[in-house]
Amino acid sequence: MNRNTIKWLNFTLTVIALFAIYVFLDGIVDPSMHGLMIVGLVLIGMVSLVLVLKRENGE
């Protein structure tokens, strides 16, 4: 597998893991912190996406 495929696989697995975290913590987290949890999960997903889309030097 080439490096680009591994990056996209990593991103896909990250999104699946973030969704699983959301599902499991949905009933546990206090409703007042629900928005903060969503913002945190979206930020982690965005960082992962930026790392996938970032071009490496020399390519």
C-alpha atoms as a PDB file:
ATOM      1  CA  MET A   1       0.000   0.000   0.000  1.00  0.00           C
ATOM      2  CA  ASN A   2       1.238   3.441  -0.777  1.00  0.00           C
ATOM      3  CA  ARG A   3       1.502   6.270   1.714  1.00  0.00           C
ATOM      4  CA  ASN A   4      -1.614   8.100   0.453  1.00  0.00           C
ATOM      5  CA  THR A   5      -3.784   5.016   0.932  1.00  0.00           C
ATOM      6  CA  ILE A   6      -2.517   4.591   4.480  1.00  0.00           C
ATOM      7  CA  LYS A   7      -3.315   8.244   5.244  1.00  0.00           C
ATOM      8  CA  TRP A   8      -6.913   7.835   4.032  1.00  0.00           C
ATOM      9  CA  LEU A   9      -7.277   4.578   5.947  1.00  0.00           C
ATOM     10  CA  ASN A  10      -6.059   6.344   9.088  1.00  0.00           C
ATOM     11  CA  PHE A  11      -8.582   9.145   8.535  1.00  0.00           C
ATOM     12  CA  THR A  12     -11.431   6.678   7.978  1.00  0.00           C
ATOM     13  CA  LEU A  13     -10.573   4.759  11.142  1.00  0.00           C
ATOM     14  CA  THR A  14     -10.339   8.031  13.079  1.00  0.00           C
ATOM     15  CA  VAL A  15     -13.825   9.074  11.940  1.00  0.00           C
ATOM     16  CA  ILE A  16     -15.231   5.662  12.912  1.00  0.00           C
ATOM     17  CA  ALA A  17     -13.551   5.893  16.323  1.00  0.00           C
ATOM     18  CA  LEU A  18     -14.866   9.432  16.906  1.00  0.00           C
ATOM     19  CA  PHE A  19     -18.395   8.299  16.041  1.00  0.00           C
ATOM     20  CA  ALA A  20     -18.047   5.364  18.452  1.00  0.00           C
ATOM     21  CA  ILE A  21     -16.827   7.715  21.204  1.00  0.00           C
ATOM     22  CA  TYR A  22     -19.807   9.986  20.582  1.00  0.00           C
ATOM     23  CA  VAL A  23     -22.277   7.092  20.722  1.00  0.00           C
ATOM     24  CA  PHE A  24     -20.830   5.675  23.936  1.00  0.00           C
ATOM     25  CA  LEU A  25     -20.509   9.043  25.714  1.00  0.00           C
ATOM     26  CA  ASP A  26     -23.835  10.473  24.535  1.00  0.00           C
ATOM     27  CA  GLY A  27     -25.803   9.259  27.563  1.00  0.00           C
ATOM     28  CA  ILE A  28     -22.959   9.618  30.057  1.00  0.00           C
ATOM     29  CA  VAL A  29     -21.866  13.216  29.472  1.00  0.00           C
ATOM     30  CA  ASP A  30     -23.819  15.932  31.251  1.00  0.00           C
ATOM     31  CA  PRO A  31     -26.178  17.709  28.805  1.00  0.00           C
ATOM     32  CA  SER A  32     -24.494  21.041  29.534  1.00  0.00           C
ATOM     33  CA  MET A  33     -21.176  19.584  28.273  1.00  0.00           C
ATOM     34  CA  HIS A  34     -22.709  17.920  25.200  1.00  0.00           C
ATOM     35  CA  GLY A  35     -21.853  20.827  22.881  1.00  0.00           C
ATOM     36  CA  LEU A  36     -18.283  20.946  24.135  1.00  0.00           C
ATOM     37  CA  MET A  37     -17.917  17.220  23.490  1.00  0.00           C
ATOM     38  CA  ILE A  38     -19.142  17.639  19.910  1.00  0.00           C
ATOM     39  CA  VAL A  39     -16.780  20.565  19.303  1.00  0.00           C
ATOM     40  CA  GLY A  40     -13.846  18.536  20.633  1.00  0.00           C
ATOM     41  CA  LEU A  41     -14.665  15.536  18.465  1.00  0.00           C
ATOM     42  CA  VAL A  42     -15.085  17.722  15.369  1.00  0.00           C
ATOM     43  CA  LEU A  43     -11.736  19.426  16.043  1.00  0.00           C
ATOM     44  CA  ILE A  44      -9.992  16.070  16.288  1.00  0.00           C
ATOM     45  CA  GLY A  45     -11.622  15.011  13.016  1.00  0.00           C
ATOM     46  CA  MET A  46     -10.569  18.234  11.304  1.00  0.00           C
ATOM     47  CA  VAL A  47      -6.956  17.848  12.440  1.00  0.00           C
ATOM     48  CA  SER A  48      -6.959  14.323  11.052  1.00  0.00           C
ATOM     49  CA  LEU A  49      -8.369  15.573   7.740  1.00  0.00           C
ATOM     50  CA  VAL A  50      -5.748  18.335   7.509  1.00  0.00           C
ATOM     51  CA  LEU A  51      -2.997  15.767   8.046  1.00  0.00           C
ATOM     52  CA  VAL A  52      -4.422  13.650   5.214  1.00  0.00           C
ATOM     53  CA  LEU A  53      -4.712  16.589   2.801  1.00  0.00           C
ATOM     54  CA  LYS A  54      -1.333  18.116   3.673  1.00  0.00           C
ATOM     55  CA  ARG A  55       1.207  17.591   0.937  1.00  0.00           C
ATOM     56  CA  GLU A  56       4.627  16.406   1.913  1.00  0.00           C
ATOM     57  CA  ASN A  57       7.754  18.301   0.879  1.00  0.00           C
ATOM     58  CA  GLY A  58       9.375  16.704  -2.147  1.00  0.00           C
ATOM     59  CA  GLU A  59       6.246  15.138  -3.640  1.00  0.00           C
END
